[in-house]
């Protein structure tokens, strides 16, 4: 898990996507079907596999940290109304 935190703003979490996983061990069993990754890029060149997935735009939760699962993703929305350089980072010590 990756707790991603944004300083200086709060954001709406519109969707968190999870990869397929084993219900007993919780381990990933494959790639996230929502995302298409270009080969040999470590998924740094990704796009939606079948168009954008459904987003929760009806009263989505507002946060300053979202937990992104391994092999997953988060879609957030925020208003950039606080000028300046704001740090976006993972709260995991090893990053």
N, C-alpha and C. Protein backbone atom coordinates (compact mmCIF):
# COMPACT_ATOMS: atom_id res chain seq x y z
N UNK A 1 0.84 -1.19 0.00
CA UNK A 1 0.00 0.00 0.00
C UNK A 1 0.88 1.24 0.00
N UNK A 2 0.36 2.27 -0.65
CA UNK A 2 1.11 3.51 -0.78
C UNK A 2 0.23 4.68 -0.35
N UNK A 3 0.41 5.19 0.88
CA UNK A 3 -0.36 6.37 1.31
C UNK A 3 0.22 7.63 0.68
N UNK A 4 -0.47 8.15 -0.34
CA UNK A 4 0.00 9.32 -1.08
C UNK A 4 -0.63 10.57 -0.47
N UNK A 5 0.24 11.54 -0.12
CA UNK A 5 -0.19 12.74 0.59
C UNK A 5 0.16 13.98 -0.23
N UNK A 6 -0.77 14.93 -0.29
CA UNK A 6 -0.56 16.20 -0.98
C UNK A 6 -0.61 17.33 0.04
N UNK A 7 0.47 18.10 0.11
CA UNK A 7 0.51 19.27 1.00
C UNK A 7 -0.20 20.45 0.35
N UNK A 8 -0.79 21.31 1.14
CA UNK A 8 -1.35 22.57 0.66
C UNK A 8 -2.72 22.49 0.02
N UNK A 9 -3.25 21.30 -0.15
CA UNK A 9 -4.55 21.12 -0.80
C UNK A 9 -5.26 19.92 -0.17
N UNK A 10 -6.53 19.84 -0.40
CA UNK A 10 -7.27 18.60 -0.20
C UNK A 10 -7.85 18.24 -1.56
N UNK A 11 -8.24 16.99 -1.73
CA UNK A 11 -8.72 16.54 -3.03
C UNK A 11 -9.89 15.59 -2.85
N UNK A 12 -10.65 15.42 -3.91
CA UNK A 12 -11.74 14.46 -3.92
C UNK A 12 -11.22 13.15 -4.52
N UNK A 13 -11.51 12.04 -3.88
CA UNK A 13 -11.13 10.73 -4.39
C UNK A 13 -12.29 10.22 -5.24
N UNK A 14 -12.07 10.18 -6.55
CA UNK A 14 -13.13 9.79 -7.48
C UNK A 14 -13.16 8.29 -7.73
N UNK A 15 -12.01 7.64 -7.57
CA UNK A 15 -11.96 6.19 -7.77
C UNK A 15 -10.62 5.65 -7.27
N UNK A 16 -10.67 4.46 -6.68
CA UNK A 16 -9.47 3.68 -6.37
C UNK A 16 -9.64 2.35 -7.08
N UNK A 17 -8.67 2.01 -7.92
CA UNK A 17 -8.73 0.77 -8.69
C UNK A 17 -7.81 -0.28 -8.10
N UNK A 18 -8.29 -1.49 -7.99
CA UNK A 18 -7.54 -2.60 -7.41
C UNK A 18 -7.25 -3.65 -8.48
N UNK A 19 -6.08 -4.30 -8.40
CA UNK A 19 -5.82 -5.39 -9.33
C UNK A 19 -6.53 -6.65 -8.85
N UNK A 20 -6.64 -7.69 -9.70
CA UNK A 20 -7.22 -8.94 -9.22
C UNK A 20 -6.30 -9.53 -8.15
N UNK A 21 -6.92 -10.18 -7.16
CA UNK A 21 -6.12 -10.72 -6.05
C UNK A 21 -6.71 -12.02 -5.54
N UNK A 22 -5.88 -12.78 -4.86
CA UNK A 22 -6.29 -14.02 -4.22
C UNK A 22 -7.08 -13.67 -2.96
N UNK A 23 -8.31 -14.15 -2.80
CA UNK A 23 -9.12 -13.77 -1.64
C UNK A 23 -8.57 -14.32 -0.32
N UNK A 24 -7.74 -15.34 -0.37
CA UNK A 24 -7.18 -15.92 0.87
C UNK A 24 -5.91 -15.19 1.28
N UNK A 25 -4.97 -15.03 0.34
CA UNK A 25 -3.67 -14.42 0.68
C UNK A 25 -3.66 -12.91 0.47
N UNK A 26 -4.55 -12.39 -0.36
CA UNK A 26 -4.56 -10.97 -0.68
C UNK A 26 -3.52 -10.57 -1.70
N UNK A 27 -2.75 -11.53 -2.21
CA UNK A 27 -1.71 -11.22 -3.19
C UNK A 27 -2.30 -11.01 -4.58
N UNK A 28 -1.64 -10.14 -5.34
CA UNK A 28 -2.06 -9.88 -6.71
C UNK A 28 -1.97 -11.15 -7.54
N UNK A 29 -2.96 -11.35 -8.40
CA UNK A 29 -2.94 -12.52 -9.28
C UNK A 29 -2.82 -12.11 -10.74
N UNK A 30 -2.75 -10.82 -11.01
CA UNK A 30 -2.64 -10.34 -12.38
C UNK A 30 -2.56 -8.83 -12.41
N UNK A 31 -2.54 -8.29 -13.61
CA UNK A 31 -2.48 -6.85 -13.80
C UNK A 31 -3.87 -6.24 -13.71
N UNK A 32 -3.91 -4.98 -13.36
CA UNK A 32 -5.17 -4.25 -13.28
C UNK A 32 -5.78 -4.16 -14.67
N UNK A 33 -6.99 -4.65 -14.83
CA UNK A 33 -7.63 -4.69 -16.14
C UNK A 33 -8.01 -3.31 -16.67
N UNK A 34 -8.05 -2.30 -15.80
CA UNK A 34 -8.42 -0.95 -16.23
C UNK A 34 -7.28 -0.24 -16.96
N UNK A 35 -6.05 -0.70 -16.76
CA UNK A 35 -4.87 0.01 -17.25
C UNK A 35 -4.13 -0.81 -18.30
N UNK A 36 -3.74 -0.14 -19.36
CA UNK A 36 -2.92 -0.76 -20.40
C UNK A 36 -1.53 -0.15 -20.32
N UNK A 37 -0.51 -0.99 -20.12
CA UNK A 37 0.87 -0.51 -19.99
C UNK A 37 1.66 -0.85 -21.24
N UNK A 38 2.52 0.07 -21.67
CA UNK A 38 3.41 -0.17 -22.79
C UNK A 38 4.53 -1.10 -22.30
N UNK A 39 4.83 -2.14 -23.08
CA UNK A 39 5.84 -3.12 -22.70
C UNK A 39 7.19 -2.46 -22.42
N UNK A 40 7.90 -3.00 -21.44
CA UNK A 40 9.26 -2.58 -21.05
C UNK A 40 9.35 -1.13 -20.58
N UNK A 41 8.28 -0.61 -19.98
CA UNK A 41 8.31 0.76 -19.46
C UNK A 41 7.99 0.80 -17.97
N UNK A 42 7.84 -0.35 -17.32
CA UNK A 42 7.42 -0.43 -15.91
C UNK A 42 6.11 0.32 -15.69
N UNK A 43 5.30 0.35 -16.73
CA UNK A 43 3.98 1.00 -16.72
C UNK A 43 4.08 2.52 -16.57
N UNK A 44 5.23 3.09 -16.93
CA UNK A 44 5.35 4.55 -16.88
C UNK A 44 4.63 5.20 -18.06
N UNK A 45 4.32 4.40 -19.09
CA UNK A 45 3.51 4.87 -20.23
C UNK A 45 2.22 4.08 -20.22
N UNK A 46 1.27 4.55 -19.46
CA UNK A 46 0.01 3.82 -19.28
C UNK A 46 -1.16 4.63 -19.83
N UNK A 47 -2.23 3.91 -20.14
CA UNK A 47 -3.46 4.55 -20.59
C UNK A 47 -4.63 3.67 -20.13
N UNK A 48 -5.83 4.21 -20.22
CA UNK A 48 -7.00 3.41 -19.87
C UNK A 48 -7.17 2.31 -20.92
N UNK A 49 -7.40 1.11 -20.48
CA UNK A 49 -7.50 -0.04 -21.38
C UNK A 49 -8.76 0.02 -22.24
N UNK A 50 -9.88 0.37 -21.65
CA UNK A 50 -11.16 0.38 -22.38
C UNK A 50 -11.91 1.67 -22.14
N UNK A 51 -11.23 2.77 -22.20
CA UNK A 51 -11.86 4.05 -21.89
C UNK A 51 -11.85 4.28 -20.40
N UNK A 52 -12.10 5.49 -20.02
CA UNK A 52 -12.06 5.85 -18.60
C UNK A 52 -13.10 5.07 -17.81
N UNK A 53 -12.73 4.50 -16.65
CA UNK A 53 -13.71 3.79 -15.82
C UNK A 53 -14.68 4.78 -15.16
N UNK A 54 -15.76 4.25 -14.64
CA UNK A 54 -16.76 5.08 -13.95
C UNK A 54 -16.12 5.77 -12.75
N UNK A 55 -16.43 7.05 -12.59
CA UNK A 55 -15.90 7.83 -11.48
C UNK A 55 -17.03 8.27 -10.56
N UNK A 56 -16.74 8.34 -9.27
CA UNK A 56 -17.71 8.80 -8.29
C UNK A 56 -17.66 10.33 -8.23
N UNK A 57 -18.51 10.98 -8.99
CA UNK A 57 -18.55 12.45 -8.98
C UNK A 57 -19.71 12.98 -8.12
N UNK A 58 -20.48 12.10 -7.52
CA UNK A 58 -21.59 12.47 -6.66
C UNK A 58 -21.15 12.42 -5.20
N UNK A 59 -20.70 13.54 -4.67
CA UNK A 59 -20.24 13.67 -3.29
C UNK A 59 -19.09 12.71 -2.96
N UNK A 60 -17.98 12.77 -3.72
CA UNK A 60 -16.83 11.91 -3.41
C UNK A 60 -16.15 12.37 -2.12
N UNK A 61 -15.49 11.46 -1.41
CA UNK A 61 -14.82 11.84 -0.17
C UNK A 61 -13.69 12.84 -0.43
N UNK A 62 -13.52 13.77 0.50
CA UNK A 62 -12.46 14.78 0.39
C UNK A 62 -11.36 14.44 1.38
N UNK A 63 -10.13 14.38 0.91
CA UNK A 63 -9.00 13.94 1.74
C UNK A 63 -7.75 14.73 1.37
N UNK A 64 -6.67 14.52 2.16
CA UNK A 64 -5.36 15.02 1.75
C UNK A 64 -4.37 13.86 1.60
N UNK A 65 -4.84 12.64 1.87
CA UNK A 65 -4.05 11.42 1.69
C UNK A 65 -4.97 10.34 1.14
N UNK A 66 -4.47 9.57 0.17
CA UNK A 66 -5.22 8.45 -0.37
C UNK A 66 -4.29 7.24 -0.40
N UNK A 67 -4.81 6.09 -0.04
CA UNK A 67 -4.01 4.86 -0.07
C UNK A 67 -4.18 4.22 -1.45
N UNK A 68 -3.07 4.13 -2.18
CA UNK A 68 -3.06 3.52 -3.50
C UNK A 68 -2.54 2.09 -3.35
N UNK A 69 -3.34 1.10 -3.75
CA UNK A 69 -2.90 -0.29 -3.58
C UNK A 69 -1.81 -0.65 -4.59
N UNK A 70 -0.92 -1.60 -4.23
CA UNK A 70 0.07 -2.07 -5.21
C UNK A 70 -0.64 -2.59 -6.45
N UNK A 71 -0.18 -2.19 -7.62
CA UNK A 71 -0.81 -2.62 -8.86
C UNK A 71 -2.13 -1.91 -9.13
N UNK A 72 -2.46 -0.94 -8.32
CA UNK A 72 -3.72 -0.22 -8.48
C UNK A 72 -3.48 1.24 -8.83
N UNK A 73 -4.52 2.04 -8.65
CA UNK A 73 -4.43 3.46 -8.99
C UNK A 73 -5.48 4.23 -8.21
N UNK A 74 -5.32 5.54 -8.20
CA UNK A 74 -6.32 6.43 -7.62
C UNK A 74 -6.56 7.57 -8.60
N UNK A 75 -7.82 7.96 -8.75
CA UNK A 75 -8.18 9.12 -9.56
C UNK A 75 -8.67 10.17 -8.57
N UNK A 76 -8.00 11.33 -8.57
CA UNK A 76 -8.36 12.40 -7.65
C UNK A 76 -8.66 13.67 -8.44
N UNK A 77 -9.39 14.56 -7.79
CA UNK A 77 -9.72 15.86 -8.39
C UNK A 77 -9.48 16.92 -7.33
N UNK A 78 -8.76 17.98 -7.71
CA UNK A 78 -8.59 19.09 -6.76
C UNK A 78 -8.53 20.40 -7.52
N UNK A 79 -8.88 21.46 -6.82
CA UNK A 79 -8.83 22.80 -7.39
C UNK A 79 -7.49 23.41 -7.02
N UNK A 80 -6.71 23.77 -8.01
CA UNK A 80 -5.39 24.35 -7.77
C UNK A 80 -5.53 25.84 -7.48
N UNK A 81 -6.01 26.13 -6.27
CA UNK A 81 -6.30 27.52 -5.89
C UNK A 81 -5.38 28.03 -4.78
N UNK A 82 -4.31 27.31 -4.50
CA UNK A 82 -3.36 27.70 -3.46
C UNK A 82 -1.98 27.76 -4.12
N UNK A 83 -1.59 28.92 -4.66
CA UNK A 83 -0.35 29.02 -5.42
C UNK A 83 0.88 28.59 -4.61
N UNK A 84 1.84 28.06 -5.31
CA UNK A 84 3.09 27.68 -4.68
C UNK A 84 3.51 26.28 -5.08
N UNK A 85 4.64 25.86 -4.56
CA UNK A 85 5.17 24.52 -4.79
C UNK A 85 4.70 23.64 -3.66
N UNK A 86 3.86 22.66 -3.96
CA UNK A 86 3.31 21.77 -2.93
C UNK A 86 3.79 20.35 -3.18
N UNK A 87 4.26 19.74 -2.11
CA UNK A 87 4.87 18.42 -2.18
C UNK A 87 3.80 17.32 -2.25
N UNK A 88 3.93 16.40 -3.22
CA UNK A 88 3.10 15.20 -3.32
C UNK A 88 4.05 14.03 -3.10
N UNK A 89 3.77 13.20 -2.10
CA UNK A 89 4.71 12.14 -1.76
C UNK A 89 4.02 10.96 -1.12
N UNK A 90 4.74 9.85 -1.11
CA UNK A 90 4.28 8.63 -0.43
C UNK A 90 4.80 8.68 1.01
N UNK A 91 3.98 8.27 1.95
CA UNK A 91 4.37 8.28 3.36
C UNK A 91 5.16 7.04 3.77
N UNK A 92 5.45 6.15 2.83
CA UNK A 92 6.25 4.97 3.15
C UNK A 92 7.72 5.39 3.28
N UNK A 93 8.36 4.98 4.35
CA UNK A 93 9.74 5.40 4.62
C UNK A 93 10.73 4.96 3.54
N UNK A 94 10.51 3.79 2.93
CA UNK A 94 11.47 3.30 1.96
C UNK A 94 11.42 4.01 0.61
N UNK A 95 10.46 4.89 0.40
CA UNK A 95 10.43 5.63 -0.88
C UNK A 95 11.34 6.81 -0.77
